[in-house]
Protein backbone atom coordinates (compact mmCIF):
# COMPACT_ATOMS: atom_id res chain seq x y z
CA MET A 1 65.32 125.23 -0.93
CA GLN A 2 66.05 125.91 -4.61
CA ILE A 3 63.41 124.63 -7.04
CA SER A 4 64.29 123.60 -10.59
CA THR A 5 62.73 125.57 -13.43
CA ARG A 6 61.74 122.20 -14.93
CA GLY A 7 58.76 122.22 -12.61
CA ALA A 8 57.57 125.59 -13.87
CA VAL A 9 55.26 124.07 -16.47
CA ASP A 10 51.63 124.95 -17.03
CA PRO A 11 49.05 122.98 -15.03
CA PHE A 12 47.00 120.33 -16.79
CA ILE A 13 43.70 122.24 -16.77
CA ALA A 14 41.53 119.20 -17.57
CA MET A 15 42.70 117.61 -14.33
CA ALA A 16 42.03 120.85 -12.45
CA VAL A 17 38.47 120.92 -13.83
CA MET A 18 38.04 117.30 -12.78
CA GLU A 19 39.15 118.18 -9.25
CA ALA A 20 36.76 121.14 -9.12
CA ALA A 21 33.95 118.83 -10.25
CA ARG A 22 34.88 116.27 -7.60
CA ALA A 23 34.81 118.99 -4.94
CA ARG A 24 31.31 120.01 -5.97
CA GLU A 25 30.23 116.38 -5.89
CA ALA A 26 31.67 116.03 -2.37
CA ALA A 27 29.50 119.00 -1.40
CA GLY A 28 26.41 117.21 -2.74
CA ALA A 29 26.17 118.44 -6.35
CA ASP A 30 25.31 116.12 -9.23
CA ILE A 31 27.89 116.62 -11.99
CA ILE A 32 27.98 115.32 -15.56
CA HIS A 33 31.62 114.64 -16.42
CA MET A 34 32.59 115.72 -19.94
CA GLU A 35 36.02 117.08 -19.01
CA VAL A 36 38.43 114.12 -19.05
CA GLY A 37 39.21 111.60 -21.76
CA GLN A 38 38.69 108.61 -19.54
CA PRO A 39 36.42 105.79 -20.72
CA ALA A 40 33.50 105.05 -18.41
CA THR A 41 33.62 101.53 -19.80
CA PRO A 42 35.64 99.18 -17.56
CA ALA A 43 38.80 97.25 -18.35
CA PRO A 44 38.01 94.10 -20.31
CA ARG A 45 36.85 91.17 -18.20
CA ARG A 46 39.70 89.04 -19.59
CA ALA A 47 42.22 91.62 -18.38
CA VAL A 48 40.81 91.74 -14.86
CA GLU A 49 40.67 87.95 -14.59
CA ALA A 50 44.24 87.61 -15.86
CA ALA A 51 45.48 90.14 -13.31
CA GLN A 52 43.64 88.36 -10.49
CA ALA A 53 45.11 85.01 -11.53
CA ALA A 54 48.63 86.45 -11.73
CA ILE A 55 48.34 87.95 -8.24
CA ALA A 56 47.03 84.67 -6.84
CA ALA A 57 49.80 82.66 -8.52
CA GLY A 58 52.61 84.26 -6.57
CA PRO A 59 55.15 87.09 -6.49
CA LEU A 60 55.24 89.49 -9.41
CA GLY A 61 58.80 90.68 -9.79
CA TYR A 62 60.62 92.89 -12.25
CA THR A 63 60.23 92.19 -15.94
CA VAL A 64 62.93 93.17 -18.42
CA ALA A 65 63.00 96.93 -19.02
CA LEU A 66 61.33 96.72 -22.44
CA GLY A 67 58.48 94.61 -21.08
CA LEU A 68 57.22 91.04 -21.13
CA PRO A 69 58.44 89.32 -24.32
CA GLU A 70 55.03 87.67 -24.85
CA LEU A 71 53.30 91.08 -24.69
CA ARG A 72 55.72 92.58 -27.22
CA GLU A 73 55.15 89.59 -29.50
CA ARG A 74 51.38 89.92 -29.20
CA ILE A 75 51.51 93.65 -30.02
CA ALA A 76 53.61 92.81 -33.08
CA ARG A 77 50.86 90.41 -34.14
CA ARG A 78 48.31 93.20 -33.69
CA TYR A 79 50.21 95.28 -36.25
CA ALA A 80 50.09 92.32 -38.64
CA ASP A 81 46.36 91.74 -38.11
CA ARG A 82 45.24 95.38 -38.14
CA TYR A 83 47.63 97.05 -40.56
CA GLY A 84 49.21 94.18 -42.50
CA LEU A 85 52.65 95.11 -41.15
CA SER A 86 55.54 92.90 -40.10
CA ILE A 87 57.01 94.54 -37.00
CA ALA A 88 59.81 92.77 -35.13
CA PRO A 89 58.94 92.45 -31.41
CA GLU A 90 62.47 93.69 -30.67
CA ARG A 91 61.41 97.12 -31.93
CA ILE A 92 58.60 97.38 -29.36
CA ALA A 93 59.02 98.79 -25.86
CA ILE A 94 56.33 98.50 -23.19
CA THR A 95 56.12 101.71 -21.17
CA ALA A 96 54.42 103.24 -18.13
CA GLY A 97 51.50 104.52 -20.17
CA ALA A 98 51.93 106.61 -23.30
CA SER A 99 53.35 109.32 -21.00
CA GLY A 100 56.36 107.10 -20.27
CA ALA A 101 56.78 106.53 -24.00
CA PHE A 102 56.86 110.26 -24.71
CA LEU A 103 59.45 110.84 -22.01
CA LEU A 104 61.66 108.02 -23.30
CA THR A 105 61.24 109.16 -26.89
CA PHE A 106 62.19 112.78 -26.21
CA LEU A 107 65.18 111.76 -24.09
CA ALA A 108 66.42 109.17 -26.61
CA LEU A 109 66.09 111.44 -29.65
CA PHE A 110 66.78 115.02 -28.61
CA ASP A 111 69.45 116.95 -26.73
CA ALA A 112 68.62 120.08 -24.74
CA GLY A 113 67.62 122.97 -27.00
CA ALA A 114 66.28 120.77 -29.83
CA ARG A 115 63.21 122.15 -31.60
CA VAL A 116 60.13 119.91 -31.76
CA ALA A 117 57.03 121.03 -33.65
CA VAL A 118 53.59 120.18 -32.26
CA ALA A 119 50.12 121.02 -33.53
CA ASP A 120 48.08 123.67 -31.73
CA PRO A 121 45.50 122.78 -30.48
CA GLY A 122 47.06 119.65 -29.02
CA TYR A 123 47.50 117.53 -25.93
CA PRO A 124 49.03 119.91 -23.33
CA ALA A 125 51.46 117.37 -21.88
CA TYR A 126 53.42 117.43 -25.16
CA ARG A 127 54.61 120.98 -24.68
CA ASN A 128 54.97 120.63 -20.91
CA ILE A 129 57.17 117.51 -21.11
CA LEU A 130 59.26 119.20 -23.81
CA LYS A 131 59.69 122.28 -21.62
CA ALA A 132 60.62 120.20 -18.56
CA LEU A 133 63.36 118.51 -20.63
CA ASP A 134 64.78 121.84 -21.85
CA LEU A 135 63.51 121.21 -25.36
CA ARG A 136 61.91 123.92 -27.47
CA TRP A 137 58.24 123.56 -28.36
CA VAL A 138 57.44 125.00 -31.81
CA ARG A 139 53.76 125.79 -32.49
CA LEU A 140 52.03 124.55 -35.60
CA PRO A 141 48.86 126.72 -35.58
CA THR A 142 46.34 124.40 -37.22
CA ASP A 143 42.74 125.44 -37.80
CA ALA A 144 39.56 124.34 -39.52
CA ALA A 145 41.18 124.92 -42.92
CA THR A 146 43.75 122.16 -42.19
CA ARG A 147 41.20 120.05 -40.29
CA PHE A 148 43.23 120.89 -37.17
CA GLN A 149 46.13 118.76 -38.41
CA PRO A 150 49.66 119.86 -39.38
CA ASP A 151 50.70 119.93 -43.02
CA ALA A 152 53.82 120.63 -45.08
CA GLN A 153 53.07 124.37 -45.28
CA LEU A 154 52.86 124.69 -41.50
CA LEU A 155 56.17 122.82 -41.21
CA ALA A 156 57.73 125.18 -43.74
CA ASP A 157 56.46 128.21 -41.83
CA ALA A 158 57.82 126.82 -38.54
CA GLY A 159 61.14 126.00 -40.17
CA ARG A 160 61.77 129.61 -41.10
CA THR A 161 62.66 130.38 -37.48
CA GLY A 162 65.14 127.51 -37.23
CA ARG A 163 65.73 123.88 -38.09
CA LEU A 164 63.12 121.41 -36.81
CA ASP A 165 64.57 118.36 -35.09
CA GLY A 166 61.25 116.61 -34.56
CA VAL A 167 57.58 116.78 -35.48
CA LEU A 168 54.81 115.23 -33.38
CA ALA A 169 51.32 114.58 -34.73
CA ALA A 170 48.32 112.76 -33.28
CA SER A 171 45.73 110.96 -35.39
CA PRO A 172 43.01 110.73 -34.14
CA ALA A 173 43.86 113.94 -32.33
CA ASN A 174 43.11 115.29 -28.90
CA PRO A 175 41.17 117.62 -28.54
CA THR A 176 39.62 117.65 -32.01
CA GLY A 177 39.17 114.00 -32.99
CA THR A 178 40.41 114.71 -36.53
CA MET A 179 42.53 112.19 -38.43
CA LEU A 180 45.22 112.26 -41.11
CA ASP A 181 44.18 110.17 -44.09
CA ARG A 182 46.81 108.14 -45.96
CA ALA A 183 47.67 110.96 -48.36
CA ALA A 184 48.02 113.52 -45.58
CA MET A 185 50.07 111.14 -43.39
CA THR A 186 52.33 110.30 -46.33
CA ALA A 187 52.90 113.96 -47.15
CA LEU A 188 53.74 114.75 -43.54
CA VAL A 189 56.17 111.84 -43.12
CA GLU A 190 57.87 112.60 -46.43
CA GLU A 191 58.24 116.28 -45.56
CA CYS A 192 59.84 115.35 -42.24
CA GLN A 193 62.27 113.08 -44.06
CA ARG A 194 63.08 115.88 -46.52
CA ILE A 195 63.93 118.39 -43.79
CA GLY A 196 65.67 115.87 -41.53
CA ALA A 197 63.14 115.95 -38.68
CA THR A 198 62.13 112.79 -36.80
CA PHE A 199 58.41 112.08 -37.10
CA ILE A 200 56.64 110.96 -33.92
CA SER A 201 53.11 109.62 -34.32
CA ASP A 202 50.75 109.56 -31.34
CA GLU A 203 48.34 106.73 -32.14
CA ILE A 204 46.81 106.36 -28.68
CA TYR A 205 43.25 106.66 -30.07
CA HIS A 206 43.65 104.05 -32.79
CA GLY A 207 40.67 101.74 -32.65
CA VAL A 208 38.34 104.56 -31.59
CA GLU A 209 37.20 105.55 -35.08
CA TYR A 210 33.84 106.31 -36.69
CA GLY A 211 34.32 105.41 -40.32
CA ALA A 212 37.68 105.01 -41.99
CA ARG A 213 40.41 103.15 -40.10
CA ALA A 214 43.18 105.35 -38.74
CA VAL A 215 46.43 105.14 -40.70
CA SER A 216 49.59 104.25 -38.79
CA ALA A 217 52.77 106.12 -39.64
CA LEU A 218 54.42 102.68 -39.79
CA GLU A 219 52.41 102.03 -42.96
CA ILE A 220 54.33 104.88 -44.58
CA SER A 221 57.84 104.39 -43.18
CA ASP A 222 59.84 102.35 -40.67
CA ASP A 223 61.93 105.41 -39.88
CA VAL A 224 59.36 106.88 -37.47
CA ILE A 225 58.43 106.61 -33.80
CA VAL A 226 54.93 105.37 -33.02
CA ILE A 227 53.38 105.63 -29.55
CA ASN A 228 50.23 103.88 -28.37
CA SER A 229 48.56 102.85 -25.13
CA PHE A 230 46.03 100.58 -23.48
CA SER A 231 44.30 103.60 -21.94
CA LYS A 232 41.72 104.54 -24.57
CA TYR A 233 40.49 101.78 -26.89
CA PHE A 234 41.26 99.17 -24.22
CA SER A 235 39.65 101.21 -21.37
CA MET A 236 42.66 100.74 -19.07
CA THR A 237 43.66 104.29 -18.09
CA GLY A 238 44.66 103.57 -14.50
CA TRP A 239 46.65 100.45 -15.37
CA ARG A 240 49.33 102.67 -16.94
CA VAL A 241 50.53 100.49 -19.81
CA GLY A 242 51.64 101.93 -23.13
CA TRP A 243 54.03 100.99 -25.88
CA MET A 244 56.24 102.47 -28.54
CA VAL A 245 57.66 101.17 -31.81
CA ALA A 246 61.08 102.53 -32.76
CA PRO A 247 63.72 101.84 -35.40
CA PRO A 248 66.42 99.36 -34.34
CA GLY A 249 68.97 102.16 -33.98
CA VAL A 250 66.80 103.92 -31.38
CA ILE A 251 65.46 101.04 -29.28
CA GLY A 252 68.81 100.43 -27.58
CA ALA A 253 68.86 103.98 -26.21
CA VAL A 254 65.24 103.60 -25.12
CA GLU A 255 66.11 100.39 -23.27
CA ARG A 256 69.04 101.95 -21.41
CA LEU A 257 66.93 104.92 -20.37
CA ALA A 258 64.02 102.70 -19.32
CA GLN A 259 66.33 100.54 -17.18
CA ASN A 260 67.49 103.57 -15.25
CA LEU A 261 64.32 105.66 -15.11
CA PHE A 262 61.65 103.00 -14.55
CA ILE A 263 63.37 99.58 -14.20
CA CYS A 264 60.27 98.14 -15.89
CA PRO A 265 56.55 98.75 -16.34
CA SER A 266 54.11 97.23 -13.83
CA HIS A 267 54.25 93.45 -14.16
CA VAL A 268 50.62 92.78 -13.26
CA ALA A 269 49.40 95.54 -15.60
CA GLN A 270 51.37 93.96 -18.45
CA VAL A 271 49.70 90.61 -17.76
CA ALA A 272 46.32 92.33 -17.91
CA ALA A 273 47.25 94.15 -21.12
CA LEU A 274 48.22 90.89 -22.79
CA ALA A 275 44.78 89.46 -22.04
CA ALA A 276 43.04 92.66 -23.18
CA LEU A 277 44.43 92.19 -26.69
CA ASP A 278 42.12 89.17 -27.07
CA ALA A 279 38.97 90.91 -25.79
CA GLN A 280 37.83 92.10 -29.20
CA ASP A 281 34.10 91.56 -28.76
CA GLU A 282 34.00 93.52 -25.51
CA LEU A 283 36.13 96.32 -26.93
CA GLU A 284 33.95 96.70 -30.01
CA ALA A 285 30.89 96.87 -27.76
CA ASN A 286 32.57 99.76 -25.93
CA LEU A 287 33.20 101.47 -29.27
CA ALA A 288 29.49 101.22 -30.04
CA VAL A 289 28.79 103.22 -26.86
CA TYR A 290 31.16 106.00 -27.95
CA ALA A 291 29.59 106.03 -31.41
CA ALA A 292 26.12 106.41 -29.91
CA ASN A 293 27.36 109.23 -27.65
CA ARG A 294 28.97 111.00 -30.59
CA ALA A 295 25.80 110.81 -32.67
CA LEU A 296 23.69 112.07 -29.78
CA LEU A 297 25.90 115.06 -29.00
CA MET A 298 26.42 116.03 -32.64
CA GLU A 299 22.65 116.37 -32.85
CA GLU A 300 22.01 117.94 -29.43
CA LEU A 301 24.96 120.30 -28.84
CA PRO A 302 24.02 122.61 -31.75
CA LYS A 303 20.62 123.03 -30.07
CA ALA A 304 22.50 124.44 -27.08
CA GLY A 305 24.43 126.88 -29.27
CA PHE A 306 27.52 124.72 -29.84
CA SER A 307 27.21 124.40 -33.58
CA ALA A 308 30.81 124.97 -34.77
CA LEU A 309 32.35 121.57 -34.05
CA ALA A 310 35.61 120.14 -35.38
CA PRO A 311 35.06 117.04 -37.55
CA CYS A 312 35.28 114.12 -35.11
CA ASP A 313 36.75 111.22 -37.10
CA GLY A 314 37.91 109.36 -33.99
CA ALA A 315 38.72 109.59 -30.28
CA PHE A 316 35.87 110.73 -28.00
CA TYR A 317 35.93 114.51 -28.09
CA LEU A 318 33.96 117.32 -29.67
CA TYR A 319 35.96 120.55 -29.92
CA ALA A 320 33.53 123.45 -30.05
CA ASP A 321 34.25 126.95 -31.30
CA VAL A 322 32.50 129.16 -28.73
CA SER A 323 34.11 132.45 -29.77
CA ALA A 324 30.64 133.84 -30.51
CA LEU A 325 29.71 133.17 -26.88
CA THR A 326 32.90 134.01 -24.99
CA GLY A 327 36.54 134.98 -25.25
CA ASP A 328 37.34 133.43 -21.88
CA SER A 329 36.81 129.68 -21.99
CA VAL A 330 38.12 129.23 -18.43
CA ASP A 331 35.40 131.48 -17.01
CA PHE A 332 32.83 129.98 -19.40
CA CYS A 333 33.59 126.42 -18.23
CA ALA A 334 33.59 127.51 -14.58
CA ARG A 335 30.10 128.96 -15.03
CA MET A 336 28.98 125.87 -16.91
CA LEU A 337 30.10 123.73 -13.99
CA ALA A 338 28.54 125.95 -11.32
CA GLU A 339 25.29 126.76 -13.11
CA ALA A 340 24.60 123.70 -15.29
CA GLY A 341 26.45 120.97 -13.39
CA VAL A 342 28.40 120.02 -16.53
CA ALA A 343 32.20 119.76 -16.44
CA ALA A 344 34.06 120.47 -19.71
CA THR A 345 37.62 121.56 -20.49
CA PRO A 346 38.57 125.10 -21.58
CA GLY A 347 40.30 125.30 -24.94
CA VAL A 348 43.30 127.14 -23.43
CA ASP A 349 44.45 123.77 -22.10
CA PHE A 350 45.10 122.72 -25.70
CA ASP A 351 45.86 126.06 -27.36
CA PRO A 352 47.23 128.76 -25.02
CA LEU A 353 46.93 131.52 -27.62
CA ARG A 354 43.56 130.87 -29.27
CA GLY A 355 41.85 128.49 -26.85
CA GLY A 356 39.87 131.21 -25.10
CA GLY A 357 37.24 130.72 -27.79
CA PHE A 358 37.02 126.91 -27.62
CA VAL A 359 35.69 124.21 -25.29
CA ARG A 360 36.33 120.47 -25.43
CA PHE A 361 33.52 118.07 -24.56
CA SER A 362 34.50 114.47 -23.83
CA PHE A 363 31.85 111.87 -24.64
CA ALA A 364 33.65 108.91 -23.06
CA GLY A 365 30.93 108.54 -20.40
CA SER A 366 27.71 106.58 -20.50
CA THR A 367 25.05 107.41 -23.09
CA ALA A 368 22.60 108.26 -20.30
CA ALA A 369 25.08 110.74 -18.83
CA MET A 370 25.68 112.34 -22.23
CA ALA A 371 21.94 112.73 -22.80
CA GLU A 372 21.55 114.37 -19.41
CA GLY A 373 24.53 116.62 -20.08
CA ALA A 374 22.98 117.77 -23.36
CA ARG A 375 19.66 118.43 -21.62
CA ARG A 376 21.36 120.54 -18.96
CA LEU A 377 23.36 122.52 -21.51
CA LYS A 378 20.26 123.34 -23.53
CA ALA A 379 18.44 124.51 -20.39
CA TRP A 380 21.48 126.53 -19.28
CA ARG A 381 21.83 128.30 -22.62
CA ARG A 382 18.11 129.14 -22.63
CA ALA A 383 18.25 130.61 -19.12
């Protein structure tokens, strides 16, 4: 049987590490999970109760392809409350997680062969989805000097090898947690407009911030694509509900694609998501847990030799430069799992060329688990 080359993408290493950790647990080992960006905090109580009530009330059929109108309207109100923006609900599409939004965005905007620039290090699914769709991934090699975020100079450098059709940036970013402030976001959006590239803003970690509020690209321009999700701030990873905001000229193409690819997002998950938007007190309590975990690890990880950390403005990751300890982060993380019982993700998942000298630690777990993970890492490094 012939197999399409679209499936010849790199594996998602974080998921492979999680599976290796699960296997060790099944064999009786006690593992501290710092490998996956999945909140240990549960879905909001309101969301669970709303889902239970919807199931009890009767059949849950298809919704319209772009999602429940009341959910789109409530998300529009969130943009008004949080950012002071007036976003028409008709510009919002509910999707099967942020992953569904990326797929719809890339299909709606770009034909095969289009060049889309993405920061390195970055979320690995960006480049793998682009590759599977016969789009060309263009590296933007960020580093500590750019706070691991793209800038106009990196776009100019990338543009020398050919026209850029799109630019994707995440703020707060995975794996580094760094954010674009208003000036940096404005400069990036304006540079994309100057060179004729569509700007796509991954805002999935908005709400998970430790100081300044994250800036939405929609505060700079309406001529952008913004993608968000209920997975992170709302602690609803497995419910698979995301959304995107697109200009009116794009949303029609998104709707036609969504009708044919997905029919609609999960009805019951949309009901739960609608309720989650009114669970502010519970969500802020979750954020306090992440903030405590961040403070703990920023103090304790340097004692284990992980002192070169990217500035974590948001999200729940610490991206550690371990080049003084290893040039092979895959082997390093495998030994960490086997010898210390701590699962973390090798940097090559996020940066295939330079990630051998980096490790990402997720602090989305409980504070007790993070404290134990730090204790184990210190003991391991002393051994």
